[in-house]
Amino acid sequence: MTWLALTLTGFVLGMLLQFRVRHPLTNPTLIATLIVAAALLLSRTPYTQYETDVKPLSAFLTPAIVALSVPLYRLRALLAQQWQALVIGGLTGTLLGVGTDLLLPYLLNLDEVSRKSLLTAPATSPVALQLADITHAPPALAATLAVLSGLIGALLLPPFLILLRVRHPLARGIAIGSVAHGVGTAQARQEGELTGAASSIGMGLAALTVTLVVALLAG
């Protein structure tokens, strides 16, 4: 129960900090990740042990992702009017991410395991875990890279969109969801229900696109 309690405590601390300091670096997932990672390194605890201890919490990961579709239902009429822009934006963002993750390992001369694990990074972590059986990547590494991809996207993309003067809720949402998936969508919901709904669409399109790419490459 120690690691389970530490993970929950780290996330709650992150939420309290985010409530007081409105800044991308106060993302609760990032705060909890840093706290847990530091504790694992200091205690020299294997990740496999941590993964086993927090399984009750991990079981809620997939339902939490599905729950992000609730805004889609509430705003279905409005989203249906803008479906073309949402689909084009979501697919473009995801394909750029997949292309980058395919090219980057070769530029950095990474090994085959890293290449396979990075292939599913643009998808949300539950999808990356399922696709690891097809890509023959270590499931833990594939899920970790997916989470890190989401964290980096959630940290950098919102201020970058402001810099580009992208302020429309649908445009911001689809961009965040297609790049930062679950972590980014949770943050996008703080900007408004419309932004969160568009982000959910982007995350779903990203999962579908990555799955199709993996299927084509595997085939």
C-alpha atoms as a PDB file:
ATOM      1  CA  MET A   1       0.000   0.000   0.000  1.00  0.00           C
ATOM      2  CA  THR A   2       3.017   2.295   0.373  1.00  0.00           C
ATOM      3  CA  TRP A   3       3.487   2.963  -3.345  1.00  0.00           C
ATOM      4  CA  LEU A   4      -0.239   3.265  -3.924  1.00  0.00           C
ATOM      5  CA  ALA A   5      -0.520   5.846  -1.153  1.00  0.00           C
ATOM      6  CA  LEU A   6       2.549   7.744  -2.401  1.00  0.00           C
ATOM      7  CA  THR A   7       1.172   7.908  -5.947  1.00  0.00           C
ATOM      8  CA  LEU A   8      -2.190   9.230  -4.782  1.00  0.00           C
ATOM      9  CA  THR A   9      -0.551  11.696  -2.402  1.00  0.00           C
ATOM     10  CA  GLY A  10       1.708  13.020  -5.153  1.00  0.00           C
ATOM     11  CA  PHE A  11      -1.252  13.555  -7.475  1.00  0.00           C
ATOM     12  CA  VAL A  12      -3.285  15.319  -4.777  1.00  0.00           C
ATOM     13  CA  LEU A  13      -0.331  17.579  -3.986  1.00  0.00           C
ATOM     14  CA  GLY A  14      -0.067  18.362  -7.679  1.00  0.00           C
ATOM     15  CA  MET A  15      -3.756  19.281  -7.828  1.00  0.00           C
ATOM     16  CA  LEU A  16      -3.417  21.578  -4.808  1.00  0.00           C
ATOM     17  CA  LEU A  17      -0.355  23.216  -6.313  1.00  0.00           C
ATOM     18  CA  GLN A  18      -2.114  23.675  -9.649  1.00  0.00           C
ATOM     19  CA  PHE A  19      -5.074  25.247  -7.880  1.00  0.00           C
ATOM     20  CA  ARG A  20      -2.782  27.818  -6.275  1.00  0.00           C
ATOM     21  CA  VAL A  21      -0.347  28.342  -9.164  1.00  0.00           C
ATOM     22  CA  ARG A  22      -1.887  28.337 -12.636  1.00  0.00           C
ATOM     23  CA  HIS A  23       1.126  27.207 -14.628  1.00  0.00           C
ATOM     24  CA  PRO A  24       1.758  24.277 -17.040  1.00  0.00           C
ATOM     25  CA  LEU A  25       4.609  23.030 -14.830  1.00  0.00           C
ATOM     26  CA  THR A  26       2.156  22.405 -11.980  1.00  0.00           C
ATOM     27  CA  ASN A  27       0.500  19.575 -13.908  1.00  0.00           C
ATOM     28  CA  PRO A  28      -0.630  16.989 -11.281  1.00  0.00           C
ATOM     29  CA  THR A  29       0.536  14.060 -13.409  1.00  0.00           C
ATOM     30  CA  LEU A  30       3.990  15.624 -13.756  1.00  0.00           C
ATOM     31  CA  ILE A  31       4.249  16.338 -10.019  1.00  0.00           C
ATOM     32  CA  ALA A  32       3.200  12.793  -9.093  1.00  0.00           C
ATOM     33  CA  THR A  33       5.600  11.322 -11.675  1.00  0.00           C
ATOM     34  CA  LEU A  34       8.564  13.275 -10.304  1.00  0.00           C
ATOM     35  CA  ILE A  35       7.758  12.320  -6.702  1.00  0.00           C
ATOM     36  CA  VAL A  36       7.324   8.629  -7.468  1.00  0.00           C
ATOM     37  CA  ALA A  37      10.375   8.499  -9.757  1.00  0.00           C
ATOM     38  CA  ALA A  38      12.551  10.098  -7.076  1.00  0.00           C
ATOM     39  CA  ALA A  39      11.259   7.655  -4.458  1.00  0.00           C
ATOM     40  CA  LEU A  40      11.897   4.663  -6.721  1.00  0.00           C
ATOM     41  CA  LEU A  41      15.452   5.797  -7.441  1.00  0.00           C
ATOM     42  CA  LEU A  42      16.277   6.555  -3.817  1.00  0.00           C
ATOM     43  CA  SER A  43      14.846   3.274  -2.551  1.00  0.00           C
ATOM     44  CA  ARG A  44      16.225   1.300  -5.531  1.00  0.00           C
ATOM     45  CA  THR A  45      12.833  -0.308  -5.999  1.00  0.00           C
ATOM     46  CA  PRO A  46      12.372  -2.172  -9.306  1.00  0.00           C
ATOM     47  CA  TYR A  47       9.643  -0.814 -11.541  1.00  0.00           C
ATOM     48  CA  THR A  48       8.082  -4.283 -11.719  1.00  0.00           C
ATOM     49  CA  GLN A  49       7.432  -4.185  -7.991  1.00  0.00           C
ATOM     50  CA  TYR A  50       5.916  -0.704  -8.218  1.00  0.00           C
ATOM     51  CA  GLU A  51       3.742  -1.805 -11.149  1.00  0.00           C
ATOM     52  CA  THR A  52       2.423  -4.731  -9.120  1.00  0.00           C
ATOM     53  CA  ASP A  53       1.720  -2.602  -6.041  1.00  0.00           C
ATOM     54  CA  VAL A  54      -0.300   0.016  -7.933  1.00  0.00           C
ATOM     55  CA  LYS A  55      -2.385  -2.376 -10.050  1.00  0.00           C
ATOM     56  CA  PRO A  56      -5.606  -1.382  -8.229  1.00  0.00           C
ATOM     57  CA  LEU A  57      -4.983   2.197  -9.366  1.00  0.00           C
ATOM     58  CA  SER A  58      -3.914   1.234 -12.880  1.00  0.00           C
ATOM     59  CA  ALA A  59      -7.198  -0.607 -13.341  1.00  0.00           C
ATOM     60  CA  PHE A  60      -8.969   2.766 -13.445  1.00  0.00           C
ATOM     61  CA  LEU A  61      -6.831   4.019 -16.342  1.00  0.00           C
ATOM     62  CA  THR A  62      -9.000   2.698 -19.162  1.00  0.00           C
ATOM     63  CA  PRO A  63     -12.348   3.792 -17.603  1.00  0.00           C
ATOM     64  CA  ALA A  64     -10.849   7.237 -16.989  1.00  0.00           C
ATOM     65  CA  ILE A  65      -9.937   7.555 -20.671  1.00  0.00           C
ATOM     66  CA  VAL A  66     -13.428   6.440 -21.712  1.00  0.00           C
ATOM     67  CA  ALA A  67     -14.983   8.955 -19.301  1.00  0.00           C
ATOM     68  CA  LEU A  68     -13.356  11.764 -21.278  1.00  0.00           C
ATOM     69  CA  SER A  69     -15.904  11.064 -24.019  1.00  0.00           C
ATOM     70  CA  VAL A  70     -18.745  12.477 -21.888  1.00  0.00           C
ATOM     71  CA  PRO A  71     -18.270  16.029 -23.281  1.00  0.00           C
ATOM     72  CA  LEU A  72     -18.531  14.557 -26.785  1.00  0.00           C
ATOM     73  CA  TYR A  73     -22.076  13.462 -26.094  1.00  0.00           C
ATOM     74  CA  ARG A  74     -23.064  16.748 -24.508  1.00  0.00           C
ATOM     75  CA  LEU A  75     -21.778  18.802 -27.428  1.00  0.00           C
ATOM     76  CA  ARG A  76     -22.479  16.285 -30.204  1.00  0.00           C
ATOM     77  CA  ALA A  77     -24.633  18.691 -32.253  1.00  0.00           C
ATOM     78  CA  LEU A  78     -21.984  21.427 -32.308  1.00  0.00           C
ATOM     79  CA  LEU A  79     -19.137  19.003 -32.975  1.00  0.00           C
ATOM     80  CA  ALA A  80     -21.073  17.411 -35.838  1.00  0.00           C
ATOM     81  CA  GLN A  81     -21.145  20.782 -37.605  1.00  0.00           C
ATOM     82  CA  GLN A  82     -17.344  21.046 -37.452  1.00  0.00           C
ATOM     83  CA  TRP A  83     -16.444  17.396 -38.072  1.00  0.00           C
ATOM     84  CA  GLN A  84     -14.420  18.047 -41.217  1.00  0.00           C
ATOM     85  CA  ALA A  85     -12.064  20.532 -39.559  1.00  0.00           C
ATOM     86  CA  LEU A  86     -11.752  18.306 -36.490  1.00  0.00           C
ATOM     87  CA  VAL A  87     -10.917  15.177 -38.489  1.00  0.00           C
ATOM     88  CA  ILE A  88      -8.399  16.956 -40.735  1.00  0.00           C
ATOM     89  CA  GLY A  89      -6.742  18.678 -37.774  1.00  0.00           C
ATOM     90  CA  GLY A  90      -6.616  15.531 -35.659  1.00  0.00           C
ATOM     91  CA  LEU A  91      -5.243  13.291 -38.399  1.00  0.00           C
ATOM     92  CA  THR A  92      -2.663  15.876 -39.466  1.00  0.00           C
ATOM     93  CA  GLY A  93      -1.360  16.338 -35.927  1.00  0.00           C
ATOM     94  CA  THR A  94      -1.185  12.606 -35.261  1.00  0.00           C
ATOM     95  CA  LEU A  95       0.505  11.733 -38.554  1.00  0.00           C
ATOM     96  CA  LEU A  96       3.131  14.408 -37.933  1.00  0.00           C
ATOM     97  CA  GLY A  97       3.742  12.889 -34.503  1.00  0.00           C
ATOM     98  CA  VAL A  98       4.003   9.363 -35.913  1.00  0.00           C
ATOM     99  CA  GLY A  99       6.357  10.553 -38.659  1.00  0.00           C
ATOM    100  CA  THR A 100       8.566  12.283 -36.095  1.00  0.00           C
ATOM    101  CA  ASP A 101       8.691   9.198 -33.884  1.00  0.00           C
ATOM    102  CA  LEU A 102       9.592   7.048 -36.889  1.00  0.00           C
ATOM    103  CA  LEU A 103      12.372   9.372 -38.053  1.00  0.00           C
ATOM    104  CA  LEU A 104      13.823  10.490 -34.717  1.00  0.00           C
ATOM    105  CA  PRO A 105      15.205   7.073 -33.613  1.00  0.00           C
ATOM    106  CA  TYR A 106      17.193   6.800 -36.848  1.00  0.00           C
ATOM    107  CA  LEU A 107      18.602  10.308 -36.455  1.00  0.00           C
ATOM    108  CA  LEU A 108      19.592   9.560 -32.854  1.00  0.00           C
ATOM    109  CA  ASN A 109      20.818   6.057 -33.725  1.00  0.00           C
ATOM    110  CA  LEU A 110      18.599   4.399 -31.122  1.00  0.00           C
ATOM    111  CA  ASP A 111      18.311   0.637 -30.798  1.00  0.00           C
ATOM    112  CA  GLU A 112      15.488  -1.478 -32.190  1.00  0.00           C
ATOM    113  CA  VAL A 113      13.654  -1.702 -28.854  1.00  0.00           C
ATOM    114  CA  SER A 114      13.487   2.075 -28.563  1.00  0.00           C
ATOM    115  CA  ARG A 115      12.250   2.401 -32.139  1.00  0.00           C
ATOM    116  CA  LYS A 116       9.418  -0.056 -31.550  1.00  0.00           C
ATOM    117  CA  SER A 117       8.458   1.616 -28.284  1.00  0.00           C
ATOM    118  CA  LEU A 118       8.437   5.115 -29.779  1.00  0.00           C
ATOM    119  CA  LEU A 119       6.144   4.015 -32.598  1.00  0.00           C
ATOM    120  CA  THR A 120       3.119   3.963 -30.275  1.00  0.00           C
ATOM    121  CA  ALA A 121       4.069   7.051 -28.228  1.00  0.00           C
ATOM    122  CA  PRO A 122       1.545   9.308 -30.028  1.00  0.00           C
ATOM    123  CA  ALA A 123      -1.284   7.109 -28.724  1.00  0.00           C
ATOM    124  CA  THR A 124      -2.610   7.150 -25.181  1.00  0.00           C
ATOM    125  CA  SER A 125      -0.938   4.709 -22.776  1.00  0.00           C
ATOM    126  CA  PRO A 126      -3.734   2.040 -22.676  1.00  0.00           C
ATOM    127  CA  VAL A 127      -3.555   1.803 -26.479  1.00  0.00           C
ATOM    128  CA  ALA A 128       0.251   1.720 -26.411  1.00  0.00           C
ATOM    129  CA  LEU A 129       0.099  -1.175 -23.953  1.00  0.00           C
ATOM    130  CA  GLN A 130      -2.206  -3.164 -26.224  1.00  0.00           C
ATOM    131  CA  LEU A 131      -0.131  -2.445 -29.332  1.00  0.00           C
ATOM    132  CA  ALA A 132       3.091  -3.520 -27.608  1.00  0.00           C
ATOM    133  CA  ASP A 133       2.137  -7.142 -28.286  1.00  0.00           C
ATOM    134  CA  ILE A 134       2.095  -6.369 -32.016  1.00  0.00           C
ATOM    135  CA  THR A 135       5.218  -4.209 -32.176  1.00  0.00           C
ATOM    136  CA  HIS A 136       7.108  -6.574 -29.805  1.00  0.00           C
ATOM    137  CA  ALA A 137       8.117  -3.616 -27.660  1.00  0.00           C
ATOM    138  CA  PRO A 138       8.446  -3.853 -23.847  1.00  0.00           C
ATOM    139  CA  PRO A 139       4.961  -2.897 -22.569  1.00  0.00           C
ATOM    140  CA  ALA A 140       6.334  -0.872 -19.656  1.00  0.00           C
ATOM    141  CA  LEU A 141       8.620   1.159 -21.945  1.00  0.00           C
ATOM    142  CA  ALA A 142       5.865   1.710 -24.528  1.00  0.00           C
ATOM    143  CA  ALA A 143       3.452   2.949 -21.851  1.00  0.00           C
ATOM    144  CA  THR A 144       6.118   5.142 -20.226  1.00  0.00           C
ATOM    145  CA  LEU A 145       7.004   6.817 -23.519  1.00  0.00           C
ATOM    146  CA  ALA A 146       3.317   7.420 -24.222  1.00  0.00           C
ATOM    147  CA  VAL A 147       2.891   9.083 -20.824  1.00  0.00           C
ATOM    148  CA  LEU A 148       6.050  11.169 -21.311  1.00  0.00           C
ATOM    149  CA  SER A 149       4.811  12.208 -24.746  1.00  0.00           C
ATOM    150  CA  GLY A 150       1.553  13.341 -23.193  1.00  0.00           C
ATOM    151  CA  LEU A 151       3.313  15.220 -20.401  1.00  0.00           C
ATOM    152  CA  ILE A 152       5.640  17.068 -22.771  1.00  0.00           C
ATOM    153  CA  GLY A 153       2.722  17.936 -25.042  1.00  0.00           C
ATOM    154  CA  ALA A 154       0.604  19.140 -22.126  1.00  0.00           C
ATOM    155  CA  LEU A 155       3.453  21.325 -20.870  1.00  0.00           C
ATOM    156  CA  LEU A 156       4.634  22.874 -24.126  1.00  0.00           C
ATOM    157  CA  LEU A 157       1.661  22.940 -26.475  1.00  0.00           C
ATOM    158  CA  PRO A 158      -0.788  25.312 -24.655  1.00  0.00           C
ATOM    159  CA  PRO A 159       1.711  28.196 -24.333  1.00  0.00           C
ATOM    160  CA  PHE A 160       2.960  27.498 -27.857  1.00  0.00           C
ATOM    161  CA  LEU A 161      -0.588  27.798 -29.205  1.00  0.00           C
ATOM    162  CA  ILE A 162      -0.956  31.100 -27.378  1.00  0.00           C
ATOM    163  CA  LEU A 163       2.305  32.255 -28.980  1.00  0.00           C
ATOM    164  CA  LEU A 164       0.820  31.362 -32.375  1.00  0.00           C
ATOM    165  CA  ARG A 165      -2.385  33.212 -31.397  1.00  0.00           C
ATOM    166  CA  VAL A 166      -4.486  30.076 -31.689  1.00  0.00           C
ATOM    167  CA  ARG A 167      -7.367  30.839 -29.339  1.00  0.00           C
ATOM    168  CA  HIS A 168     -10.396  29.063 -30.814  1.00  0.00           C
ATOM    169  CA  PRO A 169     -11.534  26.295 -28.402  1.00  0.00           C
ATOM    170  CA  LEU A 170     -11.958  23.678 -31.153  1.00  0.00           C
ATOM    171  CA  ALA A 171      -8.546  24.412 -32.697  1.00  0.00           C
ATOM    172  CA  ARG A 172      -6.794  24.322 -29.315  1.00  0.00           C
ATOM    173  CA  GLY A 173      -8.622  21.182 -28.247  1.00  0.00           C
ATOM    174  CA  ILE A 174      -7.954  19.126 -31.368  1.00  0.00           C
ATOM    175  CA  ALA A 175      -4.277  20.125 -31.323  1.00  0.00           C
ATOM    176  CA  ILE A 176      -3.801  19.246 -27.657  1.00  0.00           C
ATOM    177  CA  GLY A 177      -5.694  15.949 -27.887  1.00  0.00           C
ATOM    178  CA  SER A 178      -3.903  14.681 -30.985  1.00  0.00           C
ATOM    179  CA  VAL A 179      -0.473  15.406 -29.491  1.00  0.00           C
ATOM    180  CA  ALA A 180      -0.839  15.105 -25.723  1.00  0.00           C
ATOM    181  CA  HIS A 181      -3.709  12.528 -25.585  1.00  0.00           C
ATOM    182  CA  GLY A 182      -5.009  11.703 -22.078  1.00  0.00           C
ATOM    183  CA  VAL A 183      -2.824  14.037 -20.039  1.00  0.00           C
ATOM    184  CA  GLY A 184      -3.418  16.895 -22.446  1.00  0.00           C
ATOM    185  CA  THR A 185      -7.168  16.244 -22.630  1.00  0.00           C
ATOM    186  CA  ALA A 186      -7.466  16.416 -18.857  1.00  0.00           C
ATOM    187  CA  GLN A 187      -5.725  19.785 -18.978  1.00  0.00           C
ATOM    188  CA  ALA A 188      -7.772  20.957 -21.973  1.00  0.00           C
ATOM    189  CA  ARG A 189     -10.971  20.439 -19.995  1.00  0.00           C
ATOM    190  CA  GLN A 190      -9.774  23.163 -17.632  1.00  0.00           C
ATOM    191  CA  GLU A 191      -9.977  25.616 -20.541  1.00  0.00           C
ATOM    192  CA  GLY A 192     -13.627  24.759 -21.113  1.00  0.00           C
ATOM    193  CA  GLU A 193     -15.990  21.953 -22.037  1.00  0.00           C
ATOM    194  CA  LEU A 194     -15.741  22.688 -25.763  1.00  0.00           C
ATOM    195  CA  THR A 195     -11.944  22.541 -25.706  1.00  0.00           C
ATOM    196  CA  GLY A 196     -12.086  19.314 -23.710  1.00  0.00           C
ATOM    197  CA  ALA A 197     -14.558  17.737 -26.138  1.00  0.00           C
ATOM    198  CA  ALA A 198     -12.402  18.620 -29.151  1.00  0.00           C
ATOM    199  CA  SER A 199      -9.376  17.261 -27.320  1.00  0.00           C
ATOM    200  CA  SER A 200     -11.200  13.970 -26.736  1.00  0.00           C
ATOM    201  CA  ILE A 201     -11.797  13.724 -30.479  1.00  0.00           C
ATOM    202  CA  GLY A 202      -8.121  14.398 -31.144  1.00  0.00           C
ATOM    203  CA  MET A 203      -7.091  11.717 -28.665  1.00  0.00           C
ATOM    204  CA  GLY A 204      -9.471   9.197 -30.209  1.00  0.00           C
ATOM    205  CA  LEU A 205      -8.260   9.937 -33.724  1.00  0.00           C
ATOM    206  CA  ALA A 206      -4.667   9.603 -32.527  1.00  0.00           C
ATOM    207  CA  ALA A 207      -5.365   6.166 -31.048  1.00  0.00           C
ATOM    208  CA  LEU A 208      -7.112   5.045 -34.244  1.00  0.00           C
ATOM    209  CA  THR A 209      -4.405   6.423 -36.529  1.00  0.00           C
ATOM    210  CA  VAL A 210      -1.539   4.886 -34.562  1.00  0.00           C
ATOM    211  CA  THR A 211      -3.340   1.525 -34.515  1.00  0.00           C
ATOM    212  CA  LEU A 212      -3.795   1.618 -38.300  1.00  0.00           C
ATOM    213  CA  VAL A 213      -0.131   2.568 -38.841  1.00  0.00           C
ATOM    214  CA  VAL A 214       1.051  -0.284 -36.610  1.00  0.00           C
ATOM    215  CA  ALA A 215      -1.297  -2.699 -38.408  1.00  0.00           C
ATOM    216  CA  LEU A 216       0.044  -1.631 -41.815  1.00  0.00           C
ATOM    217  CA  LEU A 217       3.666  -1.934 -40.712  1.00  0.00           C
ATOM    218  CA  ALA A 218       3.010  -5.292 -39.060  1.00  0.00           C
ATOM    219  CA  GLY A 219       1.157  -6.538 -42.117  1.00  0.00           C
END
